[in-house]
Amino acid sequence: MKDILLKFKELKINKSQLKKEIGEDLYNVDCPSPILVNIQDLSKVIRSYIDKKISLQQLVDWVNIVWFTELFELPEKESDSIISVLEVLETLDEDEVTICAEDFSKMLISLSNNNIYIQ
């Protein structure tokens, strides 16, 4: 399972491929060794979206799976910064929610400084 989760974390596979490998209900998978997601991982995903390497849906899927399943965990020293950004990103699939390029840049700066992102 570790290899599959690492591939998802690194954007090498998408949500549907992950579900095919470990089961349809990602939110109830028993994972004895969650994969660590750190500031660099989240920054890479944001940059991938900015650079149009992944879609908005892929970004939201990644955020929701990393944050709301027990497949991944956050390092304690970085969790406040990461969560402050995840909270904003996970709303992107809601009607009329958009984030401008400047806000994405501010998120990346907050993450690089391990600070809480404030809109």
N, C-alpha and C. Protein backbone atom coordinates (compact mmCIF):
# COMPACT_ATOMS: atom_id res chain seq x y z
N MET A 1 0.82 -1.20 0.00
CA MET A 1 0.00 0.00 0.00
C MET A 1 0.86 1.25 0.00
N LYS A 2 2.01 1.18 0.65
CA LYS A 2 2.89 2.34 0.77
C LYS A 2 3.26 2.91 -0.60
N ASP A 3 3.62 2.03 -1.54
CA ASP A 3 4.03 2.48 -2.87
C ASP A 3 2.89 3.21 -3.59
N ILE A 4 1.68 2.70 -3.46
CA ILE A 4 0.52 3.32 -4.11
C ILE A 4 0.27 4.69 -3.50
N LEU A 5 0.33 4.80 -2.18
CA LEU A 5 0.09 6.08 -1.51
C LEU A 5 1.17 7.10 -1.87
N LEU A 6 2.40 6.65 -1.98
CA LEU A 6 3.47 7.55 -2.40
C LEU A 6 3.24 8.06 -3.82
N LYS A 7 2.78 7.17 -4.70
CA LYS A 7 2.49 7.59 -6.07
C LYS A 7 1.38 8.63 -6.09
N PHE A 8 0.36 8.45 -5.26
CA PHE A 8 -0.71 9.44 -5.20
C PHE A 8 -0.18 10.76 -4.65
N LYS A 9 0.57 10.70 -3.57
CA LYS A 9 1.13 11.91 -2.97
C LYS A 9 1.95 12.69 -3.98
N GLU A 10 2.68 11.99 -4.82
CA GLU A 10 3.56 12.61 -5.80
C GLU A 10 2.88 12.89 -7.14
N LEU A 11 1.55 12.74 -7.18
CA LEU A 11 0.74 13.02 -8.36
C LEU A 11 1.05 12.09 -9.54
N LYS A 12 1.57 10.92 -9.25
CA LYS A 12 1.85 9.97 -10.33
C LYS A 12 0.62 9.15 -10.67
N ILE A 13 -0.35 9.08 -9.74
CA ILE A 13 -1.64 8.46 -10.02
C ILE A 13 -2.73 9.39 -9.50
N ASN A 14 -3.95 9.22 -10.01
CA ASN A 14 -5.05 10.07 -9.57
C ASN A 14 -5.98 9.31 -8.62
N LYS A 15 -7.06 9.96 -8.22
CA LYS A 15 -7.99 9.39 -7.25
C LYS A 15 -8.58 8.07 -7.75
N SER A 16 -9.00 8.02 -8.99
CA SER A 16 -9.62 6.79 -9.49
C SER A 16 -8.63 5.63 -9.51
N GLN A 17 -7.38 5.91 -9.84
CA GLN A 17 -6.36 4.85 -9.82
C GLN A 17 -6.08 4.41 -8.38
N LEU A 18 -6.09 5.35 -7.44
CA LEU A 18 -5.89 5.02 -6.04
C LEU A 18 -7.01 4.13 -5.55
N LYS A 19 -8.26 4.49 -5.88
CA LYS A 19 -9.42 3.69 -5.47
C LYS A 19 -9.36 2.29 -6.06
N LYS A 20 -8.91 2.18 -7.29
CA LYS A 20 -8.80 0.88 -7.95
C LYS A 20 -7.80 -0.02 -7.21
N GLU A 21 -6.76 0.59 -6.66
CA GLU A 21 -5.72 -0.18 -5.97
C GLU A 21 -6.06 -0.54 -4.53
N ILE A 22 -6.71 0.39 -3.80
CA ILE A 22 -6.92 0.11 -2.36
C ILE A 22 -8.38 0.05 -1.93
N GLY A 23 -9.31 0.32 -2.86
CA GLY A 23 -10.72 0.19 -2.53
C GLY A 23 -11.49 1.48 -2.76
N GLU A 24 -12.77 1.32 -3.02
CA GLU A 24 -13.64 2.45 -3.35
C GLU A 24 -13.79 3.45 -2.20
N ASP A 25 -13.87 2.97 -0.98
CA ASP A 25 -14.12 3.85 0.17
C ASP A 25 -12.80 4.24 0.83
N LEU A 26 -12.17 5.24 0.28
CA LEU A 26 -10.86 5.67 0.78
C LEU A 26 -10.91 6.17 2.22
N TYR A 27 -12.08 6.59 2.66
CA TYR A 27 -12.22 7.18 3.99
C TYR A 27 -12.34 6.13 5.09
N ASN A 28 -12.41 4.85 4.72
CA ASN A 28 -12.51 3.79 5.71
C ASN A 28 -11.49 2.68 5.48
N VAL A 29 -10.36 3.04 4.92
CA VAL A 29 -9.28 2.08 4.70
C VAL A 29 -8.40 2.04 5.94
N ASP A 30 -8.12 0.85 6.43
CA ASP A 30 -7.22 0.70 7.56
C ASP A 30 -5.79 0.84 7.06
N CYS A 31 -5.11 1.85 7.56
CA CYS A 31 -3.75 2.13 7.10
C CYS A 31 -2.83 2.20 8.33
N PRO A 32 -2.11 1.11 8.62
CA PRO A 32 -1.25 1.09 9.80
C PRO A 32 -0.08 2.07 9.74
N SER A 33 0.35 2.45 8.54
CA SER A 33 1.48 3.36 8.39
C SER A 33 1.13 4.48 7.41
N PRO A 34 0.45 5.54 7.90
CA PRO A 34 0.11 6.66 7.01
C PRO A 34 1.38 7.31 6.44
N ILE A 35 1.23 7.85 5.26
CA ILE A 35 2.33 8.52 4.57
C ILE A 35 2.39 9.98 5.02
N LEU A 36 3.58 10.45 5.28
CA LEU A 36 3.77 11.82 5.73
C LEU A 36 3.66 12.78 4.54
N VAL A 37 2.87 13.84 4.71
CA VAL A 37 2.74 14.91 3.71
C VAL A 37 3.24 16.18 4.37
N ASN A 38 4.30 16.73 3.80
CA ASN A 38 4.90 17.92 4.41
C ASN A 38 4.67 19.16 3.55
N ILE A 39 5.22 20.25 3.99
CA ILE A 39 5.08 21.53 3.30
C ILE A 39 5.57 21.45 1.85
N GLN A 40 6.67 20.78 1.62
CA GLN A 40 7.20 20.67 0.26
C GLN A 40 6.24 19.91 -0.64
N ASP A 41 5.60 18.88 -0.11
CA ASP A 41 4.64 18.10 -0.89
C ASP A 41 3.46 18.97 -1.32
N LEU A 42 2.90 19.70 -0.38
CA LEU A 42 1.76 20.56 -0.69
C LEU A 42 2.17 21.67 -1.65
N SER A 43 3.33 22.24 -1.46
CA SER A 43 3.82 23.28 -2.37
C SER A 43 3.96 22.75 -3.79
N LYS A 44 4.45 21.54 -3.91
CA LYS A 44 4.60 20.91 -5.24
C LYS A 44 3.24 20.74 -5.91
N VAL A 45 2.25 20.34 -5.16
CA VAL A 45 0.91 20.14 -5.72
C VAL A 45 0.33 21.48 -6.17
N ILE A 46 0.49 22.50 -5.36
CA ILE A 46 0.00 23.83 -5.74
C ILE A 46 0.71 24.31 -7.01
N ARG A 47 1.99 24.12 -7.08
CA ARG A 47 2.74 24.54 -8.28
C ARG A 47 2.29 23.74 -9.51
N SER A 48 1.99 22.47 -9.30
CA SER A 48 1.50 21.64 -10.42
C SER A 48 0.18 22.18 -10.95
N TYR A 49 -0.66 22.64 -10.05
CA TYR A 49 -1.93 23.23 -10.48
C TYR A 49 -1.69 24.56 -11.20
N ILE A 50 -0.86 25.41 -10.62
CA ILE A 50 -0.55 26.71 -11.24
C ILE A 50 0.02 26.50 -12.64
N ASP A 51 0.88 25.50 -12.80
CA ASP A 51 1.52 25.21 -14.08
C ASP A 51 0.64 24.39 -15.02
N LYS A 52 -0.61 24.14 -14.60
CA LYS A 52 -1.60 23.40 -15.39
C LYS A 52 -1.18 21.96 -15.67
N LYS A 53 -0.42 21.38 -14.77
CA LYS A 53 -0.05 19.97 -14.90
C LYS A 53 -1.14 19.07 -14.33
N ILE A 54 -1.95 19.64 -13.42
CA ILE A 54 -3.10 18.92 -12.88
C ILE A 54 -4.32 19.84 -12.96
N SER A 55 -5.49 19.21 -12.96
CA SER A 55 -6.74 19.97 -13.05
C SER A 55 -7.19 20.44 -11.66
N LEU A 56 -8.18 21.31 -11.67
CA LEU A 56 -8.78 21.76 -10.42
C LEU A 56 -9.33 20.56 -9.65
N GLN A 57 -9.99 19.65 -10.35
CA GLN A 57 -10.56 18.48 -9.68
C GLN A 57 -9.46 17.61 -9.07
N GLN A 58 -8.35 17.45 -9.76
CA GLN A 58 -7.25 16.67 -9.21
C GLN A 58 -6.69 17.33 -7.95
N LEU A 59 -6.60 18.65 -7.97
CA LEU A 59 -6.13 19.39 -6.80
C LEU A 59 -7.07 19.16 -5.62
N VAL A 60 -8.36 19.33 -5.84
CA VAL A 60 -9.34 19.16 -4.76
C VAL A 60 -9.35 17.71 -4.27
N ASP A 61 -9.28 16.75 -5.19
CA ASP A 61 -9.24 15.34 -4.79
C ASP A 61 -8.02 15.07 -3.91
N TRP A 62 -6.87 15.58 -4.32
CA TRP A 62 -5.64 15.38 -3.56
C TRP A 62 -5.79 15.96 -2.15
N VAL A 63 -6.27 17.18 -2.08
CA VAL A 63 -6.45 17.86 -0.79
C VAL A 63 -7.39 17.06 0.11
N ASN A 64 -8.54 16.66 -0.43
CA ASN A 64 -9.52 15.94 0.38
C ASN A 64 -9.00 14.59 0.87
N ILE A 65 -8.30 13.88 0.02
CA ILE A 65 -7.79 12.57 0.42
C ILE A 65 -6.67 12.71 1.44
N VAL A 66 -5.79 13.66 1.21
CA VAL A 66 -4.68 13.86 2.16
C VAL A 66 -5.20 14.32 3.52
N TRP A 67 -6.18 15.20 3.51
CA TRP A 67 -6.64 15.80 4.76
C TRP A 67 -7.69 14.96 5.49
N PHE A 68 -8.58 14.34 4.75
CA PHE A 68 -9.74 13.71 5.39
C PHE A 68 -9.71 12.19 5.48
N THR A 69 -8.66 11.56 4.99
CA THR A 69 -8.54 10.11 5.18
C THR A 69 -7.44 9.86 6.21
N GLU A 70 -7.33 8.63 6.61
CA GLU A 70 -6.26 8.26 7.53
C GLU A 70 -5.08 7.64 6.80
N LEU A 71 -5.02 7.89 5.49
CA LEU A 71 -3.95 7.36 4.67
C LEU A 71 -2.69 8.21 4.75
N PHE A 72 -2.88 9.46 5.14
CA PHE A 72 -1.78 10.41 5.20
C PHE A 72 -1.79 11.13 6.54
N GLU A 73 -0.62 11.65 6.91
CA GLU A 73 -0.52 12.43 8.14
C GLU A 73 0.40 13.61 7.90
N LEU A 74 0.26 14.61 8.77
CA LEU A 74 1.04 15.83 8.64
C LEU A 74 2.07 15.90 9.77
N PRO A 75 3.26 16.42 9.49
CA PRO A 75 4.24 16.58 10.56
C PRO A 75 3.74 17.64 11.54
N GLU A 76 3.87 17.36 12.80
CA GLU A 76 3.33 18.25 13.84
C GLU A 76 3.84 19.68 13.69
N LYS A 77 5.11 19.85 13.42
CA LYS A 77 5.70 21.20 13.35
C LYS A 77 5.22 22.00 12.14
N GLU A 78 4.64 21.33 11.16
CA GLU A 78 4.18 22.00 9.94
C GLU A 78 2.67 21.98 9.80
N SER A 79 1.99 21.30 10.68
CA SER A 79 0.56 21.05 10.48
C SER A 79 -0.29 22.31 10.44
N ASP A 80 0.00 23.30 11.29
CA ASP A 80 -0.81 24.52 11.29
C ASP A 80 -0.72 25.24 9.95
N SER A 81 0.46 25.35 9.42
CA SER A 81 0.66 26.01 8.13
C SER A 81 -0.04 25.22 7.02
N ILE A 82 0.16 23.92 7.00
CA ILE A 82 -0.44 23.08 5.96
C ILE A 82 -1.96 23.14 6.04
N ILE A 83 -2.50 22.99 7.22
CA ILE A 83 -3.97 22.99 7.38
C ILE A 83 -4.56 24.33 6.98
N SER A 84 -3.88 25.42 7.27
CA SER A 84 -4.40 26.74 6.90
C SER A 84 -4.57 26.87 5.38
N VAL A 85 -3.72 26.20 4.63
CA VAL A 85 -3.82 26.21 3.17
C VAL A 85 -4.84 25.17 2.69
N LEU A 86 -4.84 24.00 3.29
CA LEU A 86 -5.79 22.96 2.91
C LEU A 86 -7.23 23.44 3.10
N GLU A 87 -7.47 24.19 4.17
CA GLU A 87 -8.81 24.71 4.44
C GLU A 87 -9.34 25.55 3.28
N VAL A 88 -8.48 26.30 2.66
CA VAL A 88 -8.88 27.15 1.54
C VAL A 88 -9.01 26.30 0.27
N LEU A 89 -8.03 25.46 0.01
CA LEU A 89 -8.03 24.67 -1.22
C LEU A 89 -9.22 23.72 -1.31
N GLU A 90 -9.64 23.18 -0.19
CA GLU A 90 -10.73 22.20 -0.25
C GLU A 90 -12.06 22.84 -0.60
N THR A 91 -12.16 24.16 -0.57
CA THR A 91 -13.40 24.83 -0.94
C THR A 91 -13.48 25.12 -2.44
N LEU A 92 -12.43 24.83 -3.18
CA LEU A 92 -12.39 25.17 -4.60
C LEU A 92 -13.44 24.46 -5.45
N ASP A 93 -14.01 23.39 -4.94
CA ASP A 93 -15.04 22.70 -5.72
C ASP A 93 -16.44 23.23 -5.42
N GLU A 94 -16.53 24.23 -4.56
CA GLU A 94 -17.82 24.83 -4.25
C GLU A 94 -18.13 25.91 -5.29
N ASP A 95 -19.42 26.13 -5.51
CA ASP A 95 -19.85 27.13 -6.50
C ASP A 95 -19.27 28.49 -6.19
N GLU A 96 -18.77 29.13 -7.23
CA GLU A 96 -18.31 30.51 -7.18
C GLU A 96 -17.10 30.76 -6.27
N VAL A 97 -16.39 29.72 -5.90
CA VAL A 97 -15.15 29.90 -5.13
C VAL A 97 -14.00 29.88 -6.12
N THR A 98 -13.21 30.93 -6.09
CA THR A 98 -12.03 31.00 -6.94
C THR A 98 -10.87 31.55 -6.11
N ILE A 99 -9.69 31.22 -6.55
CA ILE A 99 -8.48 31.73 -5.90
C ILE A 99 -7.62 32.31 -7.01
N CYS A 100 -7.20 33.54 -6.82
CA CYS A 100 -6.39 34.20 -7.86
C CYS A 100 -4.92 33.78 -7.72
N ALA A 101 -4.17 34.08 -8.76
CA ALA A 101 -2.74 33.73 -8.79
C ALA A 101 -2.00 34.35 -7.60
N GLU A 102 -2.37 35.55 -7.23
CA GLU A 102 -1.71 36.22 -6.10
C GLU A 102 -1.93 35.44 -4.79
N ASP A 103 -3.15 34.92 -4.61
CA ASP A 103 -3.44 34.14 -3.41
C ASP A 103 -2.63 32.84 -3.38
N PHE A 104 -2.51 32.20 -4.54
CA PHE A 104 -1.68 30.99 -4.59
C PHE A 104 -0.23 31.33 -4.22
N SER A 105 0.26 32.45 -4.70
CA SER A 105 1.62 32.88 -4.36
C SER A 105 1.76 33.12 -2.86
N LYS A 106 0.75 33.75 -2.27
CA LYS A 106 0.77 33.98 -0.82
C LYS A 106 0.74 32.67 -0.05
N MET A 107 -0.01 31.70 -0.55
CA MET A 107 -0.03 30.38 0.09
C MET A 107 1.36 29.77 0.08
N LEU A 108 2.01 29.83 -1.07
CA LEU A 108 3.35 29.25 -1.20
C LEU A 108 4.35 29.95 -0.28
N ILE A 109 4.22 31.25 -0.14
CA ILE A 109 5.10 32.00 0.77
C ILE A 109 4.83 31.59 2.21
N SER A 110 3.56 31.49 2.58
CA SER A 110 3.22 31.06 3.94
C SER A 110 3.79 29.68 4.23
N LEU A 111 3.62 28.78 3.27
CA LEU A 111 4.15 27.43 3.46
C LEU A 111 5.67 27.45 3.58
N SER A 112 6.34 28.19 2.71
CA SER A 112 7.81 28.19 2.74
C SER A 112 8.35 28.75 4.05
N ASN A 113 7.56 29.62 4.70
CA ASN A 113 7.96 30.19 5.99
C ASN A 113 7.34 29.44 7.17
N ASN A 114 6.61 28.38 6.86
CA ASN A 114 5.90 27.60 7.88
C ASN A 114 5.01 28.51 8.75
N ASN A 115 4.31 29.43 8.07
CA ASN A 115 3.36 30.33 8.73
C ASN A 115 1.94 29.94 8.38
N ILE A 116 1.02 30.39 9.19
CA ILE A 116 -0.40 30.17 8.91
C ILE A 116 -0.82 31.12 7.79
N TYR A 117 -1.49 30.57 6.79
CA TYR A 117 -1.99 31.38 5.68
C TYR A 117 -3.28 32.06 6.10
N ILE A 118 -3.33 33.37 5.91
CA ILE A 118 -4.52 34.15 6.23
C ILE A 118 -4.95 34.86 4.95
N GLN A 119 -6.20 34.65 4.57
CA GLN A 119 -6.71 35.28 3.35
C GLN A 119 -6.86 36.75 3.51
